[in-house]
């Protein structure tokens, strides 16, 4: 039996090899196209870093940021790196490391990041730096600001309507961005009754839990029976301490009624998810404004949670009517 001639065998093998290569390249190309269609960009994902000054489990400001960006990551397809418990003296170094490693977007979740970002941003023009409640002098910087005075006004009205001792309290961090909401709170209380006393307790830092508990105990001892707390990380401590003393509280950032269902009247929710959704979509589209960007009640970033069962219907109706009026007063954007 004659053997196969080597040339036809080699030729057939070459044809089969080319067909395998072409098929493989086609499948890879289709996978690449599918990736672009799903994510809006190629496999070179947008690289995002989230910097937090506190823990990711605070059930408030920091945890809301992480949860929001994790959900957005699934929808928008960017990569996400998280640095939590970043101390003030570490921010410049951490920001430089992310920027020098080619990260496209740095999100500093708080006012504490604004000044360090300003120092770093000038050296890394290809990276966008976003923070909250601070300044943003460079073209590659954005600072998100909340119009908190109207929200504070609403909370002040609720506290005043629910107090029986005519003595309400507000616990906050002693930093300028917090002061507008205090002013609104005082005005809301006085609008209900000028005779109601307002006690304001200051805590040096969002993570100073011991001081927050101390201030809470002092307020309760002085006769305060409704406390509004805007301390992010230490809200859990304040609400728990107040519950032990059978004192009402109003939560902040997240809906914190679950912490003490019988004692949390409601929460002023800062919808961090809505805020970051806007930031990420605008950044991906190349439309994120630089400078200061203001959000208020009318944008849906600030809103009231549902009320606890201890709040009478007539009070709920009054608060909701006032909220409807404030929603119709939008604040300016950008600049």
Protein backbone atom coordinates (compact mmCIF):
# COMPACT_ATOMS: atom_id res chain seq x y z
CA UNK A 1 0.00 0.00 0.00
CA UNK A 2 1.55 3.29 -1.04
CA UNK A 3 2.25 5.82 1.73
CA UNK A 4 0.71 9.31 1.86
CA UNK A 5 2.69 11.91 0.06
CA UNK A 6 4.13 14.49 2.52
CA UNK A 7 3.09 17.65 0.61
CA UNK A 8 -0.72 17.05 0.61
CA UNK A 9 -0.54 16.03 4.30
CA UNK A 10 1.33 19.23 5.19
CA UNK A 11 -1.10 21.32 3.16
CA UNK A 12 -4.16 19.81 4.88
CA UNK A 13 -2.56 20.39 8.28
CA UNK A 14 -1.83 24.01 7.39
CA UNK A 15 -5.46 24.60 6.30
CA UNK A 16 -6.80 23.07 9.52
CA UNK A 17 -4.39 25.23 11.58
CA UNK A 18 -5.48 28.41 9.81
CA UNK A 19 -9.14 27.57 10.35
CA UNK A 20 -8.53 27.05 14.08
CA UNK A 21 -6.61 30.35 14.31
CA UNK A 22 -9.29 32.31 12.44
CA UNK A 23 -12.05 30.80 14.59
CA UNK A 24 -10.12 31.59 17.76
CA UNK A 25 -9.51 35.19 16.68
CA UNK A 26 -13.18 35.57 15.78
CA UNK A 27 -14.29 34.34 19.21
CA UNK A 28 -11.83 36.67 20.97
CA UNK A 29 -13.05 39.62 18.88
CA UNK A 30 -16.68 38.81 19.63
CA UNK A 31 -15.90 38.61 23.36
CA UNK A 32 -14.11 41.99 23.14
CA UNK A 33 -17.07 43.59 21.33
CA UNK A 34 -19.46 42.11 23.88
CA UNK A 35 -17.33 43.60 26.67
CA UNK A 36 -17.48 47.05 25.04
CA UNK A 37 -21.24 46.81 24.58
CA UNK A 38 -21.78 45.79 28.19
CA UNK A 39 -19.40 48.21 29.86
CA UNK A 40 -19.35 51.14 27.47
CA UNK A 41 -15.58 50.91 27.08
CA UNK A 42 -12.83 48.39 26.35
CA UNK A 43 -11.20 46.00 28.80
CA UNK A 44 -9.06 48.92 29.98
CA UNK A 45 -11.49 49.74 32.78
CA UNK A 46 -11.77 53.10 34.44
CA UNK A 47 -9.81 52.81 37.68
CA UNK A 48 -11.51 54.31 40.72
CA UNK A 49 -10.21 54.64 44.28
CA UNK A 50 -12.48 55.38 47.25
CA UNK A 51 -10.80 56.94 50.32
CA UNK A 52 -12.62 56.77 53.66
CA UNK A 53 -11.59 58.41 56.92
CA UNK A 54 -13.51 55.86 58.98
CA UNK A 55 -14.51 52.18 58.93
CA UNK A 56 -16.72 50.60 56.28
CA UNK A 57 -19.12 49.17 58.88
CA UNK A 58 -20.38 52.38 60.55
CA UNK A 59 -23.94 51.96 59.18
CA UNK A 60 -23.76 55.56 58.06
CA UNK A 61 -21.60 57.82 55.93
CA UNK A 62 -18.72 55.45 55.12
CA UNK A 63 -20.68 52.25 54.68
CA UNK A 64 -23.18 54.06 52.43
CA UNK A 65 -20.33 55.11 50.13
CA UNK A 66 -18.92 51.60 49.84
CA UNK A 67 -22.33 50.00 49.26
CA UNK A 68 -23.23 52.59 46.63
CA UNK A 69 -20.02 52.26 44.64
CA UNK A 70 -20.05 48.46 44.84
CA UNK A 71 -23.50 48.45 43.24
CA UNK A 72 -22.45 50.99 40.60
CA UNK A 73 -19.36 48.95 39.81
CA UNK A 74 -21.59 46.03 38.77
CA UNK A 75 -23.61 48.27 36.44
CA UNK A 76 -20.87 50.48 34.98
CA UNK A 77 -17.92 48.10 34.91
CA UNK A 78 -15.17 50.22 36.50
CA UNK A 79 -12.52 48.79 38.83
CA UNK A 80 -12.68 49.85 42.48
CA UNK A 81 -10.01 50.02 45.17
CA UNK A 82 -10.94 51.05 48.74
CA UNK A 83 -8.70 52.61 51.41
CA UNK A 84 -10.50 52.97 54.72
CA UNK A 85 -9.51 54.42 58.12
CA UNK A 86 -7.17 56.85 56.34
CA UNK A 87 -5.69 59.24 58.90
CA UNK A 88 -5.44 62.97 58.02
CA UNK A 89 -1.64 62.87 57.88
CA UNK A 90 -1.76 59.90 55.47
CA UNK A 91 -4.10 61.38 52.85
CA UNK A 92 -1.49 63.12 50.68
CA UNK A 93 0.67 59.99 50.53
CA UNK A 94 -2.28 57.69 49.78
CA UNK A 95 -3.61 60.03 47.09
CA UNK A 96 -0.17 60.31 45.46
CA UNK A 97 0.19 56.53 45.33
CA UNK A 98 -3.16 56.07 43.59
CA UNK A 99 -2.58 58.94 41.16
CA UNK A 100 0.97 57.87 40.30
CA UNK A 101 -0.32 54.35 39.60
CA UNK A 102 -2.66 55.65 36.92
CA UNK A 103 -6.00 55.77 38.71
CA UNK A 104 -8.51 57.83 36.75
CA UNK A 105 -10.75 58.97 39.61
CA UNK A 106 -10.08 59.47 43.32
CA UNK A 107 -13.14 59.85 45.56
CA UNK A 108 -12.39 61.34 48.97
CA UNK A 109 -15.52 60.69 51.00
CA UNK A 110 -15.53 63.79 53.22
CA UNK A 111 -14.33 67.35 53.71
CA UNK A 112 -11.08 66.09 55.23
CA UNK A 113 -9.86 65.06 51.76
CA UNK A 114 -10.34 68.41 50.02
CA UNK A 115 -7.20 70.24 51.14
CA UNK A 116 -4.84 67.25 50.65
CA UNK A 117 -6.38 66.61 47.22
CA UNK A 118 -5.67 70.23 46.29
CA UNK A 119 -1.99 69.69 47.15
CA UNK A 120 -1.77 66.53 45.02
CA UNK A 121 -4.08 67.34 42.09
CA UNK A 122 -1.78 69.94 40.53
CA UNK A 123 0.88 67.25 39.90
CA UNK A 124 -1.50 64.68 38.36
CA UNK A 125 -3.66 66.49 35.77
CA UNK A 126 -4.84 63.20 34.22
CA UNK A 127 -6.52 62.12 37.48
CA UNK A 128 -9.83 63.61 38.64
CA UNK A 129 -10.09 64.32 42.39
CA UNK A 130 -13.55 64.48 44.00
CA UNK A 131 -14.27 65.35 47.64
CA UNK A 132 -17.11 66.76 49.74
CA UNK A 133 -17.81 70.18 51.28
CA UNK A 134 -14.38 71.66 50.64
CA UNK A 135 -12.67 73.72 47.95
CA UNK A 136 -11.71 72.65 44.43
CA UNK A 137 -9.43 75.24 42.78
CA UNK A 138 -7.92 73.03 40.05
CA UNK A 139 -9.48 71.99 36.74
CA UNK A 140 -9.21 68.31 37.72
CA UNK A 141 -11.02 68.80 41.04
CA UNK A 142 -14.69 68.67 42.02
CA UNK A 143 -16.22 69.21 45.45
CA UNK A 144 -19.76 68.11 46.21
CA UNK A 145 -21.68 70.33 48.61
CA UNK A 146 -25.04 69.70 50.21
CA UNK A 147 -27.51 72.50 50.80
CA UNK A 148 -28.18 71.40 54.39
CA UNK A 149 -29.89 74.41 55.93
CA UNK A 150 -33.38 73.54 54.57
CA UNK A 151 -32.93 69.93 55.71
CA UNK A 152 -31.90 71.13 59.17
CA UNK A 153 -35.00 73.31 59.28
CA UNK A 154 -37.22 70.28 58.67
CA UNK A 155 -35.50 68.21 61.36
CA UNK A 156 -35.76 71.10 63.83
CA UNK A 157 -39.51 71.25 63.24
CA UNK A 158 -39.87 67.51 63.86
CA UNK A 159 -37.79 67.64 67.05
CA UNK A 160 -39.80 70.61 68.36
CA UNK A 161 -43.13 68.95 67.65
CA UNK A 162 -42.10 65.73 69.43
CA UNK A 163 -40.45 67.13 72.58
CA UNK A 164 -42.35 66.99 75.87
CA UNK A 165 -39.67 68.68 77.98
CA UNK A 166 -39.33 71.70 75.61
CA UNK A 167 -35.62 70.86 75.39
CA UNK A 168 -34.10 69.39 72.22
CA UNK A 169 -30.49 68.62 71.30
CA UNK A 170 -28.20 68.48 68.29
CA UNK A 171 -24.87 66.59 68.33
CA UNK A 172 -22.42 67.31 65.53
CA UNK A 173 -18.76 67.51 64.60
CA UNK A 174 -17.23 70.93 65.17
CA UNK A 175 -16.39 71.71 61.53
CA UNK A 176 -17.60 74.62 59.37
CA UNK A 177 -19.47 72.53 56.76
CA UNK A 178 -21.77 71.33 59.54
CA UNK A 179 -22.81 74.77 60.76
CA UNK A 180 -25.44 75.61 58.11
CA UNK A 181 -27.56 72.66 59.18
CA UNK A 182 -27.36 73.76 62.83
CA UNK A 183 -28.65 77.19 61.83
CA UNK A 184 -31.52 75.60 59.94
CA UNK A 185 -32.28 73.34 62.91
CA UNK A 186 -32.50 76.30 65.30
CA UNK A 187 -34.81 78.14 62.90
CA UNK A 188 -37.06 75.09 62.52
CA UNK A 189 -37.36 74.69 66.29
CA UNK A 190 -38.12 78.38 66.84
CA UNK A 191 -40.70 78.31 64.08
CA UNK A 192 -42.67 75.73 66.09
CA UNK A 193 -42.14 77.43 69.45
CA UNK A 194 -39.69 80.14 70.53
CA UNK A 195 -39.83 78.78 74.08
CA UNK A 196 -38.16 75.47 73.22
CA UNK A 197 -34.50 75.33 74.29
CA UNK A 198 -31.89 74.06 71.82
CA UNK A 199 -28.76 72.38 73.23
CA UNK A 200 -25.89 71.94 70.76
CA UNK A 201 -23.12 69.46 71.58
CA UNK A 202 -19.85 69.49 69.64
CA UNK A 203 -17.57 66.48 69.05
CA UNK A 204 -14.03 67.08 67.69
CA UNK A 205 -13.99 64.25 65.17
CA UNK A 206 -16.38 61.94 63.35
CA UNK A 207 -14.63 58.94 64.89
CA UNK A 208 -14.52 60.22 68.50
CA UNK A 209 -17.07 57.75 69.87
CA UNK A 210 -16.18 58.31 73.54
CA UNK A 211 -16.77 62.06 73.32
CA UNK A 212 -20.06 61.51 71.47
CA UNK A 213 -21.33 59.26 74.27
CA UNK A 214 -20.19 61.80 76.88
CA UNK A 215 -22.06 64.64 75.13
CA UNK A 216 -25.17 62.46 74.80
CA UNK A 217 -25.20 61.69 78.52
CA UNK A 218 -24.75 65.36 79.40
CA UNK A 219 -27.68 66.35 77.18
CA UNK A 220 -29.96 63.72 78.63
CA UNK A 221 -28.99 64.74 82.17
CA UNK A 222 -29.95 68.35 81.33
CA UNK A 223 -33.46 67.31 80.30
CA UNK A 224 -33.17 66.92 76.52
CA UNK A 225 -35.70 64.37 75.27
CA UNK A 226 -35.14 64.53 71.48
CA UNK A 227 -31.61 64.39 69.98
CA UNK A 228 -30.58 64.88 66.36
CA UNK A 229 -27.16 63.41 65.62
CA UNK A 230 -25.15 64.05 62.44
CA UNK A 231 -21.95 62.32 63.50
CA UNK A 232 -21.70 59.65 60.79
CA UNK A 233 -19.53 57.04 62.53
CA UNK A 234 -20.70 57.83 66.06
CA UNK A 235 -24.44 57.97 65.33
CA UNK A 236 -24.79 54.34 66.37
CA UNK A 237 -23.35 55.17 69.81
CA UNK A 238 -25.59 58.22 70.31
CA UNK A 239 -28.77 56.41 69.27
CA UNK A 240 -27.97 53.40 71.48
CA UNK A 241 -27.17 55.60 74.49
CA UNK A 242 -30.39 57.57 74.01
CA UNK A 243 -32.44 54.41 73.66
CA UNK A 244 -31.09 53.17 76.99
CA UNK A 245 -32.36 56.40 78.56
CA UNK A 246 -35.71 56.19 76.68
CA UNK A 247 -34.94 59.37 74.76
CA UNK A 248 -35.99 59.94 71.13
CA UNK A 249 -33.42 60.49 68.39
CA UNK A 250 -33.41 61.46 64.72
CA UNK A 251 -30.93 59.60 62.53
CA UNK A 252 -28.78 60.81 59.67
CA UNK A 253 -27.24 59.65 56.36
CA UNK A 254 -28.87 56.18 56.32
CA UNK A 255 -32.32 55.21 57.56
CA UNK A 256 -31.28 54.40 61.12
CA UNK A 257 -34.69 53.53 62.57
CA UNK A 258 -33.68 49.85 62.72
CA UNK A 259 -31.08 50.66 65.43
CA UNK A 260 -33.81 51.59 67.93
CA UNK A 261 -37.25 51.19 66.28
CA UNK A 262 -39.14 52.50 69.32
CA UNK A 263 -36.97 55.59 69.77
CA UNK A 264 -35.79 56.80 66.33
CA UNK A 265 -38.46 59.21 65.08
CA UNK A 266 -37.12 59.28 61.51
CA UNK A 267 -33.86 59.82 59.66
CA UNK A 268 -32.69 62.56 57.35
CA UNK A 269 -31.30 60.38 54.59
CA UNK A 270 -28.44 61.59 52.43
CA UNK A 271 -28.84 59.36 49.41
CA UNK A 272 -25.16 58.70 48.82
CA UNK A 273 -26.06 56.21 46.11
CA UNK A 274 -27.88 58.85 44.07
CA UNK A 275 -24.97 61.25 44.53
CA UNK A 276 -22.35 58.74 43.37
CA UNK A 277 -24.53 57.54 40.51
CA UNK A 278 -24.56 61.10 39.17
CA UNK A 279 -20.81 61.52 39.73
CA UNK A 280 -19.87 58.25 38.01
CA UNK A 281 -22.19 58.66 35.04
CA UNK A 282 -21.02 62.22 34.44
CA UNK A 283 -17.37 61.22 34.78
CA UNK A 284 -17.69 58.32 32.33
CA UNK A 285 -19.43 60.63 29.85
CA UNK A 286 -16.79 63.34 30.35
CA UNK A 287 -19.40 65.73 31.76
CA UNK A 288 -18.46 65.93 35.45
CA UNK A 289 -18.21 69.66 36.32
CA UNK A 290 -15.11 70.97 38.02
CA UNK A 291 -15.31 73.28 41.01
CA UNK A 292 -18.24 73.28 43.43
CA UNK A 293 -21.37 71.25 42.70
CA UNK A 294 -24.39 71.79 44.99
CA UNK A 295 -27.11 69.24 45.81
CA UNK A 296 -30.25 69.82 47.88
CA UNK A 297 -33.68 68.42 48.68
CA UNK A 298 -34.97 69.09 45.17
CA UNK A 299 -32.33 66.77 43.64
CA UNK A 300 -33.44 63.83 45.81
CA UNK A 301 -30.02 63.50 47.43
CA UNK A 302 -31.46 64.61 50.79
CA UNK A 303 -34.80 63.13 51.82
CA UNK A 304 -36.75 62.04 54.87
CA UNK A 305 -37.17 58.37 55.73
CA UNK A 306 -40.57 57.08 56.75
CA UNK A 307 -41.57 57.99 60.30
CA UNK A 308 -41.55 55.77 63.35
CA UNK A 309 -44.92 54.66 64.79
CA UNK A 310 -44.60 57.12 67.68
CA UNK A 311 -44.95 60.14 65.34
CA UNK A 312 -48.63 61.19 65.09
CA UNK A 313 -50.14 61.42 61.62
CA UNK A 314 -50.83 65.15 61.91
CA UNK A 315 -47.13 65.81 62.55
CA UNK A 316 -46.15 63.61 59.62
CA UNK A 317 -48.50 65.58 57.38
CA UNK A 318 -47.08 68.93 58.53
CA UNK A 319 -43.48 67.83 57.92
CA UNK A 320 -44.32 66.39 54.49
CA UNK A 321 -46.13 69.59 53.49
CA UNK A 322 -43.10 71.66 54.43
CA UNK A 323 -40.85 69.22 52.56
CA UNK A 324 -42.95 69.63 49.41
CA UNK A 325 -42.46 73.39 49.58
CA UNK A 326 -38.68 73.08 50.00
CA UNK A 327 -38.37 70.59 47.12
CA UNK A 328 -39.71 73.28 44.80
CA UNK A 329 -36.74 75.52 45.64
CA UNK A 330 -33.80 73.98 43.69
CA UNK A 331 -30.23 75.04 44.34
CA UNK A 332 -27.69 76.08 41.65
CA UNK A 333 -25.24 73.54 40.18
CA UNK A 334 -21.57 73.77 39.29
CA UNK A 335 -19.12 76.64 39.08
